[in-house]
Amino acid sequence: MSTLLSDLESSPATGDGDFVQNILNEMNGGPPTAPPPAMSGGVINAPNPNTIAPMVMDSAPVTSHMIGNSHPTPADFANMMNTHNGPSAAQQGGGGAPYETPKQYVAPSPQKRSWLARSMDEFRVAFFVSIIVFTFSLPIINILFAHYIPYMVKSTGDLTWVGLGVKSLIAGLTFWILQRVIVPLLSFS
């Protein structure tokens, strides 16, 4: 039994609630045995979702416990039950597979690098330090200090001890950023 669109257009119904009720009644198993339920504020009170209605089981094969494209075999379950890290049933007095020792993680040994690779790393560090020292020794850096942080510059134009300390901290931070951030980013390309 199904409701056709032409039947809905030609049937004399008073509101959309009757159409919906007709469709719900057909879905629940046939014509209504009682008058349509009362509408309260635009919400249909029936069918009650808490009632038990006969359900039709899905006839398709169960696929939720599939491994790849096949169902697990009893051997799969036995293998899963016997691969644990605790004492086995055989050691506890029952039957079962013997106790398997857990595999220990062995960290890979660091590869020995050649003297050329090590010396290139040392040269790179020295090169970065020399560039930073050169850059922070330029007069423009002292002018920037005098412009933005004037209390760190003496009246003669030289930096105070605090100014030299701040300048060296900024140089150290620049070196750290170059070595730990910039160089690893450039080495991936």
Protein backbone atom coordinates (compact mmCIF):
# COMPACT_ATOMS: atom_id res chain seq x y z
CA MET A 1 0.00 0.00 0.00
CA SER A 2 1.50 3.30 -1.01
CA THR A 3 0.32 6.87 -1.32
CA LEU A 4 0.80 8.41 -4.71
CA LEU A 5 1.34 12.11 -5.18
CA SER A 6 -1.77 12.31 -7.32
CA ASP A 7 -3.78 10.80 -4.41
CA LEU A 8 -2.42 13.44 -2.07
CA GLU A 9 -3.40 16.23 -4.45
CA SER A 10 -6.92 14.94 -5.03
CA SER A 11 -7.80 13.85 -1.48
CA PRO A 12 -9.83 16.39 0.48
CA ALA A 13 -7.66 16.95 3.55
CA THR A 14 -7.89 19.85 5.92
CA GLY A 15 -4.17 20.32 6.54
CA ASP A 16 -0.71 19.01 6.03
CA GLY A 17 -0.96 17.08 9.31
CA ASP A 18 -3.47 14.69 7.71
CA PHE A 19 -1.12 13.95 4.81
CA VAL A 20 1.73 13.29 7.19
CA GLN A 21 -0.49 11.11 9.38
CA ASN A 22 -1.60 9.09 6.35
CA ILE A 23 2.00 8.50 5.33
CA LEU A 24 3.01 7.54 8.88
CA ASN A 25 0.10 5.14 9.17
CA GLU A 26 1.07 3.46 5.91
CA MET A 27 4.66 3.15 7.08
CA ASN A 28 3.55 1.57 10.36
CA GLY A 29 1.56 -1.18 8.74
CA GLY A 30 -1.76 -0.16 7.36
CA PRO A 31 -4.76 2.09 7.68
CA PRO A 32 -5.44 3.79 10.99
CA THR A 33 -7.73 1.97 13.42
CA ALA A 34 -8.40 5.11 15.40
CA PRO A 35 -8.98 8.73 14.43
CA PRO A 36 -5.88 10.80 13.70
CA PRO A 37 -4.03 11.90 16.82
CA ALA A 38 -4.47 15.33 18.22
CA MET A 39 -2.02 17.96 17.19
CA SER A 40 -0.53 20.04 19.98
CA GLY A 41 1.36 23.10 18.86
CA GLY A 42 2.15 21.64 15.43
CA VAL A 43 3.72 18.46 16.86
CA ILE A 44 2.19 15.05 16.20
CA ASN A 45 1.75 13.10 19.43
CA ALA A 46 1.61 9.69 17.78
CA PRO A 47 3.15 7.32 16.91
CA ASN A 48 4.83 7.06 20.26
CA PRO A 49 8.57 6.49 19.77
CA ASN A 50 8.70 4.53 23.03
CA THR A 51 6.41 1.76 21.83
CA ILE A 52 7.80 -1.53 20.58
CA ALA A 53 7.01 -2.06 16.94
CA PRO A 54 7.84 -5.16 14.94
CA MET A 55 11.16 -4.69 13.22
CA VAL A 56 12.40 -6.40 10.12
CA MET A 57 15.99 -7.59 10.35
CA ASP A 58 18.42 -6.65 7.63
CA SER A 59 18.99 -9.57 5.30
CA ALA A 60 22.45 -8.36 4.21
CA PRO A 61 25.47 -10.20 5.63
CA VAL A 62 27.10 -8.68 8.66
CA THR A 63 30.19 -6.72 7.66
CA SER A 64 31.12 -4.93 10.88
CA HIS A 65 33.57 -7.62 12.01
CA MET A 66 35.27 -8.17 8.70
CA ILE A 67 39.04 -8.22 8.30
CA GLY A 68 39.75 -6.93 4.84
CA ASN A 69 37.16 -8.70 2.69
CA SER A 70 36.69 -11.86 4.77
CA HIS A 71 35.17 -12.74 8.10
CA PRO A 72 37.54 -13.72 10.91
CA THR A 73 38.17 -17.40 11.37
CA PRO A 74 38.50 -19.25 14.68
CA ALA A 75 42.27 -19.21 14.05
CA ASP A 76 42.18 -15.41 13.96
CA PHE A 77 40.49 -15.32 17.35
CA ALA A 78 42.90 -17.88 18.81
CA ASN A 79 45.85 -15.90 17.52
CA MET A 80 44.46 -12.74 19.03
CA MET A 81 43.86 -14.42 22.40
CA ASN A 82 47.37 -15.88 22.56
CA THR A 83 49.28 -12.72 21.73
CA HIS A 84 49.39 -10.91 25.05
CA ASN A 85 52.15 -9.83 27.38
CA GLY A 86 50.99 -11.53 30.59
CA PRO A 87 51.54 -15.15 31.69
CA SER A 88 49.70 -17.60 29.51
CA ALA A 89 47.14 -20.14 30.58
CA ALA A 90 49.81 -22.87 30.32
CA GLN A 91 51.89 -21.20 33.01
CA GLN A 92 48.83 -20.59 35.16
CA GLY A 93 48.05 -24.29 35.24
CA GLY A 94 45.64 -24.49 32.32
CA GLY A 95 46.12 -25.28 28.67
CA GLY A 96 47.15 -22.75 26.08
CA ALA A 97 50.12 -21.40 24.25
CA PRO A 98 53.45 -21.07 26.07
CA TYR A 99 54.49 -17.69 27.43
CA GLU A 100 56.03 -15.44 24.85
CA THR A 101 58.54 -12.89 26.01
CA PRO A 102 57.70 -9.39 24.87
CA LYS A 103 59.96 -8.02 22.22
CA GLN A 104 62.31 -5.38 23.58
CA TYR A 105 62.65 -2.12 21.71
CA VAL A 106 66.20 -1.60 20.56
CA ALA A 107 67.05 1.99 19.75
CA PRO A 108 68.96 2.35 16.52
CA SER A 109 72.57 3.15 17.10
CA PRO A 110 73.63 6.56 15.87
CA GLN A 111 75.41 6.37 12.59
CA LYS A 112 79.04 7.31 12.72
CA ARG A 113 79.63 10.35 10.59
CA SER A 114 82.78 11.02 8.72
CA TRP A 115 85.25 13.66 9.85
CA LEU A 116 84.28 15.74 6.83
CA ALA A 117 80.60 15.87 7.87
CA ARG A 118 81.52 16.76 11.46
CA SER A 119 83.92 19.49 10.34
CA MET A 120 81.27 20.94 7.99
CA ASP A 121 78.85 21.18 10.94
CA GLU A 122 81.50 22.97 13.01
CA PHE A 123 82.28 25.30 10.11
CA ARG A 124 78.59 26.10 9.72
CA VAL A 125 78.30 27.06 13.41
CA ALA A 126 81.42 29.24 13.22
CA PHE A 127 80.12 30.86 10.04
CA PHE A 128 76.79 31.75 11.67
CA VAL A 129 78.56 33.21 14.71
CA SER A 130 80.83 35.33 12.55
CA ILE A 131 77.87 36.66 10.53
CA ILE A 132 75.99 37.54 13.72
CA VAL A 133 79.01 39.28 15.28
CA PHE A 134 79.57 41.26 12.09
CA THR A 135 75.91 42.25 11.84
CA PHE A 136 75.61 43.35 15.46
CA SER A 137 78.91 45.31 15.21
CA LEU A 138 77.55 47.56 12.48
CA PRO A 139 76.98 51.20 13.52
CA ILE A 140 73.34 51.05 12.44
CA ILE A 141 72.59 48.72 15.35
CA ASN A 142 73.95 51.30 17.81
CA ILE A 143 71.87 53.98 16.08
CA LEU A 144 68.76 51.79 16.45
CA PHE A 145 69.53 51.35 20.16
CA ALA A 146 69.95 55.12 20.55
CA HIS A 147 66.67 55.73 18.74
CA TYR A 148 64.44 53.10 20.39
CA ILE A 149 66.14 52.58 23.79
CA PRO A 150 67.94 55.89 24.51
CA TYR A 151 68.70 55.17 28.18
CA MET A 152 71.03 52.30 27.10
CA VAL A 153 73.32 54.74 25.24
CA LYS A 154 75.80 57.14 26.86
CA SER A 155 75.96 60.80 25.86
CA THR A 156 79.11 59.99 23.86
CA GLY A 157 77.16 57.49 21.68
CA ASP A 158 78.64 54.33 23.21
CA LEU A 159 76.43 51.66 24.71
CA THR A 160 76.21 51.29 28.48
CA TRP A 161 76.92 47.98 30.20
CA VAL A 162 73.17 47.25 30.18
CA GLY A 163 73.04 48.13 26.48
CA LEU A 164 75.93 45.78 25.70
CA GLY A 165 74.23 43.02 27.69
CA VAL A 166 70.92 43.50 25.86
CA LYS A 167 72.74 43.59 22.52
CA SER A 168 74.57 40.33 23.32
CA LEU A 169 71.31 38.67 24.45
CA ILE A 170 69.65 39.69 21.19
CA ALA A 171 72.65 38.31 19.26
CA GLY A 172 72.45 35.03 21.20
CA LEU A 173 68.71 34.77 20.53
CA THR A 174 69.37 35.44 16.85
CA PHE A 175 71.98 32.65 16.79
CA TRP A 176 69.58 30.22 18.48
CA ILE A 177 66.80 31.06 15.99
CA LEU A 178 69.17 30.59 13.07
CA GLN A 179 70.54 27.28 14.37
CA ARG A 180 67.35 25.68 15.72
CA VAL A 181 64.66 27.09 13.43
CA ILE A 182 65.97 28.46 10.17
CA VAL A 183 68.65 25.84 9.38
CA PRO A 184 66.36 22.81 10.00
CA LEU A 185 63.69 24.41 7.81
CA LEU A 186 66.20 24.95 5.02
CA SER A 187 67.67 21.44 5.33
CA PHE A 188 64.32 19.79 4.41
CA SER A 189 64.22 21.32 0.98
